[in-house]
């Protein structure tokens, strides 16, 4: 399996393990498989049996083998078995991703928050940690991971990488924009290979800094900078698996189709669904659920993609979706333009920086591109407000005795906006305990705190405040790496 950049007109081929450690392409593009392997009916039959008999880790191994040919198959099986297990407190449910039916086989929730940080990001990060440690050990190298988080990516990455040899994590967070529980999960870690940085800005500023650092080829090479944000293809690869497992759990035959409603801000989670659909998984529609930061909804409704500035990005009660520049959107547009790297580079390398683009910028084939996105790719969208989230949380508690977090409520709201003939699986984002204030506002009671999180709010905080400045971040990273033994990762 070869991998190419969304912006490389020469389609230069790379191996999986090379792009695993590299993250962002040097040309600023995102890595994609040169072709999508296809899922046959026989494969789905085999996977249905495999999932029932051997579980999620075994299914994950089979999916990975389709995309990874430079790690031995038996090693892939070992890595997925270590990533997706209840041993050591990694996952709280033996099914890893259980699925709950809410409404007469029409509405389901896929529970992606059974991992160590109670967020769907654990599904990819736990595997990424195993892949990184294996490949770095094989090469005798180390990596310094630079990431940005709007809430859950950071803690998931840190819990997956803490204590691993040859790995440091530098995680940028938007100062004051995460919930107290999310901050406690991250800033409470005191592992010497974990560095938390609170940036004076919003998530998009953090994400821009990550991209700018990755764009400095000399710095990236000197300090072995890698990525765990969803710009890293391995993240999406891991997420494809739970689309497949959820489909297999709610269907009895391969003739049945399902739809997915996916809360998203950075487009990574729903992009994995797009890829699963392109592989041949019987998906009908992919509903992109947004909050008040509705850049993506605006595109699917009007054809205009207009990223917002930090000042225009709202702080909402579903903060992990407070994103106005969707990095993974580039991957889908690359496919929608029939993999035109020159056009993709112009759209995301130039026009996005100048304010965005619309369907006219696709050229003469603009109507065809939008029709492909709508009809062939199956994208729909929906947006919701704080009051919508509160109402959904109340409704689900009253009708089904289930409490969901506000992001998952966005997903349910978007699903309800579209009356589909196929069953809809809403992808859960996090456990409600991470957003207790909003839950209390909705139902006048606080969510249950799982035993594994008792006392988490009491830990000492370890975080460094920095200005929204790429050079300041680079200097911090350089100092931490060059003087690891003398760097005190404490609050300043």
Protein backbone atom coordinates (compact mmCIF):
# COMPACT_ATOMS: atom_id res chain seq x y z
CA UNK A 1 0.00 0.00 0.00
CA UNK A 2 1.43 3.35 -1.08
CA UNK A 3 0.51 6.72 0.41
CA UNK A 4 0.43 10.05 -1.38
CA UNK A 5 -0.05 13.70 -0.38
CA UNK A 6 -3.25 15.57 -1.19
CA UNK A 7 -1.07 18.36 -2.65
CA UNK A 8 1.61 16.39 -4.53
CA UNK A 9 1.10 16.53 -8.31
CA UNK A 10 3.76 13.85 -8.78
CA UNK A 11 2.01 11.33 -6.48
CA UNK A 12 5.25 10.44 -4.71
CA UNK A 13 4.77 7.13 -2.90
CA UNK A 14 5.45 6.65 0.82
CA UNK A 15 5.17 3.65 3.11
CA UNK A 16 2.78 3.41 6.05
CA UNK A 17 5.46 3.53 8.74
CA UNK A 18 7.11 6.54 7.14
CA UNK A 19 3.90 8.59 7.17
CA UNK A 20 3.07 7.22 10.64
CA UNK A 21 6.07 9.05 12.07
CA UNK A 22 5.98 12.01 9.71
CA UNK A 23 2.37 13.16 10.16
CA UNK A 24 1.97 16.15 7.84
CA UNK A 25 3.47 16.04 4.35
CA UNK A 26 6.34 18.51 3.70
CA UNK A 27 4.22 20.18 0.99
CA UNK A 28 1.54 20.98 3.57
CA UNK A 29 -0.81 18.28 2.34
CA UNK A 30 -2.29 15.30 4.14
CA UNK A 31 -1.37 11.71 3.41
CA UNK A 32 -3.91 9.41 1.81
CA UNK A 33 -3.77 5.82 0.56
CA UNK A 34 -3.11 5.72 -3.17
CA UNK A 35 -6.21 3.51 -3.51
CA UNK A 36 -8.94 2.38 -1.14
CA UNK A 37 -9.00 -1.40 -0.65
CA UNK A 38 -12.47 -2.79 -1.27
CA UNK A 39 -14.61 -4.72 1.19
CA UNK A 40 -16.37 -7.67 -0.38
CA UNK A 41 -19.49 -9.43 0.84
CA UNK A 42 -17.40 -12.45 1.78
CA UNK A 43 -15.12 -10.24 3.87
CA UNK A 44 -18.08 -8.75 5.73
CA UNK A 45 -19.41 -12.26 6.41
CA UNK A 46 -16.02 -13.32 7.77
CA UNK A 47 -15.70 -10.16 9.85
CA UNK A 48 -19.19 -10.59 11.29
CA UNK A 49 -18.17 -14.00 12.59
CA UNK A 50 -14.74 -12.78 13.68
CA UNK A 51 -16.19 -9.90 15.70
CA UNK A 52 -18.68 -12.19 17.42
CA UNK A 53 -16.12 -14.87 18.25
CA UNK A 54 -12.83 -13.05 18.81
CA UNK A 55 -13.81 -9.45 19.44
CA UNK A 56 -12.91 -5.94 18.42
CA UNK A 57 -9.11 -6.30 18.49
CA UNK A 58 -9.22 -9.17 15.99
CA UNK A 59 -11.41 -7.15 13.62
CA UNK A 60 -9.10 -4.15 13.95
CA UNK A 61 -6.14 -6.29 12.94
CA UNK A 62 -7.87 -7.45 9.75
CA UNK A 63 -8.74 -3.88 8.75
CA UNK A 64 -5.20 -2.66 9.42
CA UNK A 65 -3.72 -5.42 7.29
CA UNK A 66 -5.52 -3.94 4.28
CA UNK A 67 -3.55 -0.71 4.68
CA UNK A 68 -0.28 -1.75 6.30
CA UNK A 69 2.20 -3.93 4.44
CA UNK A 70 5.44 -2.92 6.17
CA UNK A 71 4.59 -4.37 9.59
CA UNK A 72 4.31 -8.19 9.78
CA UNK A 73 0.67 -9.39 10.05
CA UNK A 74 1.33 -11.25 13.28
CA UNK A 75 2.78 -8.10 14.81
CA UNK A 76 -0.31 -6.13 13.78
CA UNK A 77 -2.43 -8.70 15.60
CA UNK A 78 -0.26 -8.32 18.70
CA UNK A 79 -0.47 -4.52 18.61
CA UNK A 80 -4.27 -4.40 18.26
CA UNK A 81 -4.61 -6.97 21.05
CA UNK A 82 -2.53 -4.71 23.33
CA UNK A 83 -4.45 -1.58 22.30
CA UNK A 84 -8.01 -2.88 22.61
CA UNK A 85 -8.23 -4.75 25.89
CA UNK A 86 -9.83 -4.43 29.30
CA UNK A 87 -6.55 -5.39 30.93
CA UNK A 88 -4.74 -2.68 32.84
CA UNK A 89 -7.86 -0.51 32.86
CA UNK A 90 -7.55 0.45 29.20
CA UNK A 91 -11.19 -0.13 28.25
CA UNK A 92 -14.12 -0.49 30.62
CA UNK A 93 -16.30 -2.70 28.40
CA UNK A 94 -15.29 -6.06 26.96
CA UNK A 95 -16.93 -5.25 23.62
CA UNK A 96 -14.73 -2.10 23.40
CA UNK A 97 -17.46 -0.39 21.32
CA UNK A 98 -20.89 -1.56 22.52
CA UNK A 99 -23.93 -0.30 20.62
CA UNK A 100 -27.23 0.66 22.26
CA UNK A 101 -30.59 0.73 20.45
CA UNK A 102 -32.70 3.69 21.51
CA UNK A 103 -35.68 3.79 19.21
CA UNK A 104 -37.29 0.81 17.45
CA UNK A 105 -34.18 -0.16 15.49
CA UNK A 106 -34.08 3.35 14.02
CA UNK A 107 -31.67 5.18 16.33
CA UNK A 108 -28.54 3.75 17.93
CA UNK A 109 -25.60 5.05 19.91
CA UNK A 110 -22.15 3.57 19.37
CA UNK A 111 -20.34 3.96 22.68
CA UNK A 112 -16.84 5.13 21.85
CA UNK A 113 -16.02 6.42 25.32
CA UNK A 114 -15.08 3.26 27.19
CA UNK A 115 -11.37 4.04 27.05
CA UNK A 116 -9.01 5.45 29.71
CA UNK A 117 -9.99 9.11 29.18
CA UNK A 118 -13.70 8.55 28.46
CA UNK A 119 -13.50 10.06 24.97
CA UNK A 120 -13.75 8.64 21.46
CA UNK A 121 -10.19 9.79 20.79
CA UNK A 122 -8.99 6.81 22.86
CA UNK A 123 -10.09 4.52 20.03
CA UNK A 124 -7.30 5.83 17.82
CA UNK A 125 -4.75 6.95 20.38
CA UNK A 126 -4.39 3.62 22.13
CA UNK A 127 -3.49 2.01 18.81
CA UNK A 128 -1.25 4.93 17.85
CA UNK A 129 0.74 4.49 21.05
CA UNK A 130 1.41 0.84 20.24
CA UNK A 131 2.33 1.63 16.62
CA UNK A 132 4.70 4.43 17.61
CA UNK A 133 6.48 2.40 20.27
CA UNK A 134 6.89 -0.59 17.95
CA UNK A 135 8.22 1.36 14.98
CA UNK A 136 10.51 3.62 17.02
CA UNK A 137 11.96 0.57 18.75
CA UNK A 138 12.50 -1.15 15.40
CA UNK A 139 14.33 1.91 14.06
CA UNK A 140 16.14 2.85 17.25
CA UNK A 141 14.71 6.38 17.02
CA UNK A 142 12.69 8.78 19.16
CA UNK A 143 9.83 11.15 18.36
CA UNK A 144 8.58 14.40 19.83
CA UNK A 145 4.85 14.61 19.31
CA UNK A 146 3.34 18.04 18.84
CA UNK A 147 -0.44 18.21 18.99
CA UNK A 148 -3.35 20.57 19.51
CA UNK A 149 -6.53 19.80 21.38
CA UNK A 150 -9.90 21.41 21.89
CA UNK A 151 -10.62 19.06 24.75
CA UNK A 152 -10.20 15.31 24.29
CA UNK A 153 -7.35 14.66 21.86
CA UNK A 154 -4.80 15.91 24.37
CA UNK A 155 -5.70 13.68 27.28
CA UNK A 156 -6.19 10.68 24.99
CA UNK A 157 -2.76 11.21 23.45
CA UNK A 158 -1.05 11.76 26.78
CA UNK A 159 -2.61 8.70 28.39
CA UNK A 160 -1.62 6.62 25.37
CA UNK A 161 1.98 7.90 25.26
CA UNK A 162 2.84 8.49 28.93
CA UNK A 163 5.85 6.52 30.09
CA UNK A 164 6.72 5.17 26.64
CA UNK A 165 10.38 5.04 25.67
CA UNK A 166 11.55 7.41 22.94
CA UNK A 167 8.38 9.54 23.00
CA UNK A 168 7.72 13.04 24.32
CA UNK A 169 4.35 14.78 23.99
CA UNK A 170 3.92 18.54 23.64
CA UNK A 171 0.21 19.36 23.69
CA UNK A 172 -1.21 22.80 22.92
CA UNK A 173 -4.54 23.73 24.50
CA UNK A 174 -6.63 26.90 24.14
CA UNK A 175 -6.29 28.64 27.50
CA UNK A 176 -9.55 28.60 29.45
CA UNK A 177 -11.54 26.89 26.70
CA UNK A 178 -11.74 23.35 28.13
CA UNK A 179 -13.96 22.06 30.90
CA UNK A 180 -12.48 21.65 34.40
CA UNK A 181 -12.59 17.86 34.04
CA UNK A 182 -10.76 17.96 30.71
CA UNK A 183 -8.11 20.24 32.17
CA UNK A 184 -7.71 17.98 35.19
CA UNK A 185 -7.19 14.92 33.00
CA UNK A 186 -4.34 16.57 31.12
CA UNK A 187 -2.74 18.95 33.58
CA UNK A 188 -2.85 16.40 36.38
CA UNK A 189 -0.26 14.21 34.66
CA UNK A 190 3.31 14.64 35.94
CA UNK A 191 5.09 12.13 33.68
CA UNK A 192 8.48 13.53 32.58
CA UNK A 193 7.68 12.91 28.88
CA UNK A 194 4.43 14.96 28.96
CA UNK A 195 4.42 18.74 28.40
CA UNK A 196 1.17 20.71 28.54
CA UNK A 197 1.09 24.18 26.97
CA UNK A 198 -1.86 26.57 27.41
CA UNK A 199 -1.84 28.89 24.41
CA UNK A 200 -3.40 32.35 24.54
CA UNK A 201 -5.97 31.69 21.79
CA UNK A 202 -8.62 29.29 20.51
CA UNK A 203 -8.20 25.77 19.18
CA UNK A 204 -7.71 26.94 15.60
CA UNK A 205 -4.73 29.02 16.78
CA UNK A 206 -3.24 25.92 18.40
CA UNK A 207 -3.83 23.94 15.23
CA UNK A 208 -2.22 26.67 13.13
CA UNK A 209 0.89 26.62 15.33
CA UNK A 210 1.15 22.85 14.90
CA UNK A 211 0.96 23.25 11.12
CA UNK A 212 3.51 26.08 11.10
CA UNK A 213 5.98 24.08 13.18
CA UNK A 214 5.51 21.11 10.85
CA UNK A 215 6.07 23.47 7.93
CA UNK A 216 9.55 24.32 9.24
CA UNK A 217 11.37 21.38 7.67
CA UNK A 218 14.68 22.11 9.40
CA UNK A 219 13.14 22.36 12.88
CA UNK A 220 10.94 19.34 12.30
CA UNK A 221 13.92 17.24 11.21
CA UNK A 222 16.28 18.44 13.97
CA UNK A 223 13.79 17.74 16.75
CA UNK A 224 12.00 14.71 15.22
CA UNK A 225 8.56 16.32 15.35
CA UNK A 226 5.63 13.97 14.82
CA UNK A 227 1.85 14.33 14.99
CA UNK A 228 -1.05 12.63 16.74
CA UNK A 229 -3.78 15.01 15.62
CA UNK A 230 -6.12 13.67 13.00
CA UNK A 231 -3.77 14.98 10.32
CA UNK A 232 -1.99 11.67 11.05
CA UNK A 233 -3.44 9.05 8.72
CA UNK A 234 -3.09 6.28 11.33
CA UNK A 235 -5.72 8.05 13.45
CA UNK A 236 -8.29 7.79 10.67
CA UNK A 237 -7.30 4.20 9.94
CA UNK A 238 -8.06 3.24 13.53
CA UNK A 239 -11.41 5.04 13.37
CA UNK A 240 -12.54 3.17 10.27
CA UNK A 241 -12.72 0.04 12.42
CA UNK A 242 -15.57 1.22 14.65
CA UNK A 243 -17.69 2.14 11.64
CA UNK A 244 -17.33 -1.45 10.50
CA UNK A 245 -17.91 -2.97 13.94
CA UNK A 246 -20.99 -0.79 14.55
CA UNK A 247 -22.42 -1.71 11.16
CA UNK A 248 -21.92 -5.40 11.87
CA UNK A 249 -23.60 -5.10 15.28
CA UNK A 250 -26.83 -3.48 14.04
CA UNK A 251 -27.32 -5.51 10.84
CA UNK A 252 -27.96 -9.15 10.08
CA UNK A 253 -27.09 -9.18 6.38
CA UNK A 254 -24.86 -7.24 4.02
CA UNK A 255 -27.88 -6.05 2.05
CA UNK A 256 -28.85 -3.73 4.88
CA UNK A 257 -27.61 -0.14 4.91
CA UNK A 258 -27.14 2.18 7.87
CA UNK A 259 -26.40 5.88 8.27
CA UNK A 260 -24.15 7.60 10.79
CA UNK A 261 -24.55 10.93 12.57
CA UNK A 262 -21.16 12.22 13.64
CA UNK A 263 -20.44 15.18 15.94
CA UNK A 264 -17.38 16.84 14.46
CA UNK A 265 -15.33 20.00 14.27
CA UNK A 266 -12.10 18.93 12.62
CA UNK A 267 -13.83 16.50 10.23
CA UNK A 268 -11.57 13.59 11.21
CA UNK A 269 -14.22 11.33 12.74
CA UNK A 270 -16.67 11.68 9.86
CA UNK A 271 -13.83 11.49 7.31
CA UNK A 272 -13.13 7.98 8.59
CA UNK A 273 -16.76 7.17 7.81
CA UNK A 274 -16.32 8.60 4.33
CA UNK A 275 -13.37 6.29 3.78
CA UNK A 276 -15.30 3.29 5.10
CA UNK A 277 -18.08 4.10 2.63
CA UNK A 278 -15.57 4.39 -0.22
CA UNK A 279 -14.22 0.98 0.77
CA UNK A 280 -17.68 -0.47 0.19
CA UNK A 281 -19.17 -0.57 3.69
CA UNK A 282 -22.98 -0.34 3.14
CA UNK A 283 -23.39 3.21 4.45
CA UNK A 284 -26.32 5.28 3.22
CA UNK A 285 -25.77 8.78 4.64
CA UNK A 286 -23.09 10.50 6.70
CA UNK A 287 -24.61 13.31 8.77
CA UNK A 288 -22.11 15.98 9.79
CA UNK A 289 -23.28 17.35 13.15
CA UNK A 290 -22.00 20.79 14.17
CA UNK A 291 -22.74 23.28 16.93
CA UNK A 292 -22.90 27.07 16.71
CA UNK A 293 -19.54 26.94 14.94
CA UNK A 294 -21.26 25.80 11.78
CA UNK A 295 -18.59 26.22 9.09
CA UNK A 296 -19.08 22.66 7.87
CA UNK A 297 -22.86 22.84 7.91
CA UNK A 298 -22.65 26.02 5.87
CA UNK A 299 -20.57 24.26 3.23
CA UNK A 300 -22.91 21.29 2.85
CA UNK A 301 -25.93 23.58 2.65
CA UNK A 302 -24.55 26.39 0.47
CA UNK A 303 -21.30 25.11 -1.08
CA UNK A 304 -19.29 27.82 0.66
CA UNK A 305 -16.39 26.92 2.96
CA UNK A 306 -15.53 29.98 5.04
CA UNK A 307 -13.26 29.28 8.02
CA UNK A 308 -13.79 31.72 10.89
CA UNK A 309 -11.24 33.78 12.77
CA UNK A 310 -10.54 33.26 16.46
CA UNK A 311 -12.77 36.21 17.23
CA UNK A 312 -15.64 34.66 15.28
CA UNK A 313 -15.31 31.23 16.92
CA UNK A 314 -17.88 30.78 19.68
CA UNK A 315 -17.16 29.19 23.04
CA UNK A 316 -20.01 26.69 23.41
CA UNK A 317 -21.26 23.94 25.69
CA UNK A 318 -19.87 21.36 23.25
CA UNK A 319 -16.31 22.78 23.34
CA UNK A 320 -14.51 19.97 21.53
CA UNK A 321 -16.37 21.12 18.42
CA UNK A 322 -15.45 24.79 18.78
CA UNK A 323 -13.39 24.58 15.61
CA UNK A 324 -13.64 26.74 12.52
CA UNK A 325 -10.87 25.27 10.36
CA UNK A 326 -11.50 21.60 9.63
CA UNK A 327 -8.14 20.05 8.77
CA UNK A 328 -9.46 16.73 7.50
CA UNK A 329 -11.96 18.43 5.22
CA UNK A 330 -9.08 18.58 2.74
CA UNK A 331 -9.04 14.80 2.47
CA UNK A 332 -12.68 14.62 1.46
CA UNK A 333 -12.36 17.49 -1.02
CA UNK A 334 -9.33 15.73 -2.53
CA UNK A 335 -11.56 12.73 -3.21
CA UNK A 336 -14.48 14.86 -4.39
CA UNK A 337 -12.29 16.59 -7.01
CA UNK A 338 -11.24 13.14 -8.26
CA UNK A 339 -7.93 13.49 -6.43
CA UNK A 340 -6.75 16.66 -8.10
CA UNK A 341 -3.66 17.68 -6.07
CA UNK A 342 -3.10 20.96 -7.89
CA UNK A 343 -6.64 22.15 -7.19
CA UNK A 344 -6.49 20.87 -3.61
CA UNK A 345 -3.25 22.77 -3.02
CA UNK A 346 -4.82 25.94 -4.40
CA UNK A 347 -7.96 25.58 -2.30
CA UNK A 348 -6.31 24.76 1.02
CA UNK A 349 -2.87 26.26 0.54
CA UNK A 350 -4.06 29.60 -0.84
CA UNK A 351 -7.81 30.24 -0.81
CA UNK A 352 -8.42 29.07 2.76
CA UNK A 353 -5.73 31.50 3.92
CA UNK A 354 -7.50 34.25 1.96
CA UNK A 355 -10.89 33.53 3.52
CA UNK A 356 -12.15 30.30 2.00
CA UNK A 357 -13.70 28.99 -1.20
CA UNK A 358 -17.01 27.99 -2.73
CA UNK A 359 -18.31 25.58 -5.33
CA UNK A 360 -17.37 27.96 -8.15
CA UNK A 361 -13.71 27.50 -7.23
CA UNK A 362 -13.95 23.86 -8.28
CA UNK A 363 -14.04 25.15 -11.84
CA UNK A 364 -16.28 23.93 -14.64
CA UNK A 365 -16.94 20.70 -12.76
CA UNK A 366 -18.22 22.52 -9.68
CA UNK A 367 -21.77 21.20 -9.92
CA UNK A 368 -20.46 17.68 -10.46
CA UNK A 369 -18.23 17.94 -7.39
CA UNK A 370 -21.10 19.09 -5.18
CA UNK A 371 -23.37 16.38 -6.60
CA UNK A 372 -20.68 13.79 -5.87
CA UNK A 373 -20.40 14.98 -2.27
CA UNK A 374 -24.16 14.91 -1.84
CA UNK A 375 -25.17 11.81 -3.79
CA UNK A 376 -22.19 9.48 -4.09
CA UNK A 377 -20.51 10.34 -0.79
CA UNK A 378 -23.87 10.71 0.96
CA UNK A 379 -23.10 13.77 3.08
CA UNK A 380 -25.81 15.63 4.97
CA UNK A 381 -25.38 18.10 7.82
CA UNK A 382 -27.10 19.71 10.76
CA UNK A 383 -26.36 22.33 13.38
CA UNK A 384 -27.66 22.82 16.89
CA UNK A 385 -27.59 25.33 19.73
CA UNK A 386 -27.08 25.18 23.47
CA UNK A 387 -30.83 24.96 24.02
CA UNK A 388 -31.06 22.14 21.48
CA UNK A 389 -28.40 20.22 23.39
CA UNK A 390 -30.17 20.70 26.70
CA UNK A 391 -33.45 19.51 25.20
CA UNK A 392 -31.86 16.40 23.67
CA UNK A 393 -30.17 15.51 26.98
CA UNK A 394 -33.52 15.90 28.79
CA UNK A 395 -35.37 13.94 26.12
CA UNK A 396 -32.99 10.97 26.16
CA UNK A 397 -33.00 10.86 29.96
CA UNK A 398 -36.81 10.92 30.12
CA UNK A 399 -37.47 8.51 27.25
CA UNK A 400 -34.59 6.05 27.46
CA UNK A 401 -32.90 6.60 30.85
CA UNK A 402 -29.62 7.37 29.17
CA UNK A 403 -27.48 10.47 29.75
CA UNK A 404 -25.29 11.70 26.90
CA UNK A 405 -22.67 14.41 26.73
CA UNK A 406 -23.45 17.65 24.84
CA UNK A 407 -21.45 16.67 21.73
CA UNK A 408 -23.35 13.41 21.39
CA UNK A 409 -26.52 15.47 21.86
CA UNK A 410 -25.45 17.50 18.82
CA UNK A 411 -25.23 14.20 16.93
CA UNK A 412 -28.70 13.11 18.03
CA UNK A 413 -30.11 16.53 17.13
CA UNK A 414 -28.63 16.37 13.63
CA UNK A 415 -30.00 12.84 13.18
CA UNK A 416 -33.47 14.02 14.13
CA UNK A 417 -33.29 16.83 11.57
CA UNK A 418 -33.15 14.25 8.76
CA UNK A 419 -35.90 11.67 8.48
CA UNK A 420 -33.98 8.79 6.94
CA UNK A 421 -35.27 5.40 5.91
CA UNK A 422 -32.13 3.68 7.17
CA UNK A 423 -31.21 3.19 10.84
CA UNK A 424 -28.95 5.96 12.16
CA UNK A 425 -26.00 5.26 14.43
CA UNK A 426 -24.90 8.30 16.43
CA UNK A 427 -21.23 8.17 17.33
CA UNK A 428 -20.77 9.00 21.00
CA UNK A 429 -18.09 11.57 21.71
CA UNK A 430 -17.43 11.37 25.45
CA UNK A 431 -18.92 10.35 28.77
CA UNK A 432 -21.17 13.01 30.32
CA UNK A 433 -18.94 13.27 33.41
CA UNK A 434 -16.59 15.45 31.37
CA UNK A 435 -19.34 18.09 31.00
CA UNK A 436 -21.09 17.95 34.34
CA UNK A 437 -22.16 21.62 34.40
CA UNK A 438 -24.13 21.30 31.18
CA UNK A 439 -25.63 17.99 32.29
CA UNK A 440 -26.79 19.58 35.54
CA UNK A 441 -28.31 22.48 33.65
CA UNK A 442 -30.26 20.02 31.50
CA UNK A 443 -31.54 17.50 34.06
CA UNK A 444 -30.74 19.13 37.44
CA UNK A 445 -28.46 16.31 38.50
CA UNK A 446 -24.77 15.67 38.00
CA UNK A 447 -23.64 12.69 35.93
CA UNK A 448 -22.20 9.66 37.65
CA UNK A 449 -18.43 9.70 38.07
CA UNK A 450 -16.96 6.32 37.05
CA UNK A 451 -14.78 4.79 39.74
CA UNK A 452 -11.65 5.13 37.60
CA UNK A 453 -11.96 8.93 37.71
CA UNK A 454 -12.46 9.37 41.45
CA UNK A 455 -10.18 12.09 42.82
CA UNK A 456 -9.06 13.33 39.40
CA UNK A 457 -10.00 16.92 40.21
CA UNK A 458 -7.65 16.98 43.21
CA UNK A 459 -4.35 16.42 41.40
CA UNK A 460 -1.72 19.17 41.16
CA UNK A 461 -1.70 20.93 37.78
CA UNK A 462 1.31 20.86 35.44
CA UNK A 463 0.99 23.33 32.55
CA UNK A 464 2.94 26.18 30.97
CA UNK A 465 1.25 29.33 29.67
CA UNK A 466 2.58 30.66 26.36
CA UNK A 467 1.54 33.42 23.96
CA UNK A 468 -0.06 32.62 20.63
CA UNK A 469 3.30 32.66 18.89
CA UNK A 470 4.90 29.86 16.88
CA UNK A 471 8.45 30.93 17.71
CA UNK A 472 7.70 30.87 21.43
CA UNK A 473 6.35 27.34 21.12
CA UNK A 474 9.36 26.22 19.10
CA UNK A 475 11.71 27.68 21.70
CA UNK A 476 9.87 25.86 24.49
CA UNK A 477 10.10 22.57 22.60
CA UNK A 478 13.78 23.05 21.85
CA UNK A 479 14.59 23.87 25.46
CA UNK A 480 12.60 20.91 26.77
CA UNK A 481 14.32 18.49 24.40
CA UNK A 482 17.82 19.92 24.79
CA UNK A 483 17.55 20.18 28.57
CA UNK A 484 15.06 17.49 29.51
CA UNK A 485 16.62 16.82 32.88
CA UNK A 486 16.51 20.53 33.77
CA UNK A 487 13.07 21.40 32.40
CA UNK A 488 10.39 21.74 35.05
CA UNK A 489 7.00 21.12 33.48
CA UNK A 490 5.01 22.98 36.09
CA UNK A 491 2.50 25.78 36.10
CA UNK A 492 3.88 29.26 35.45
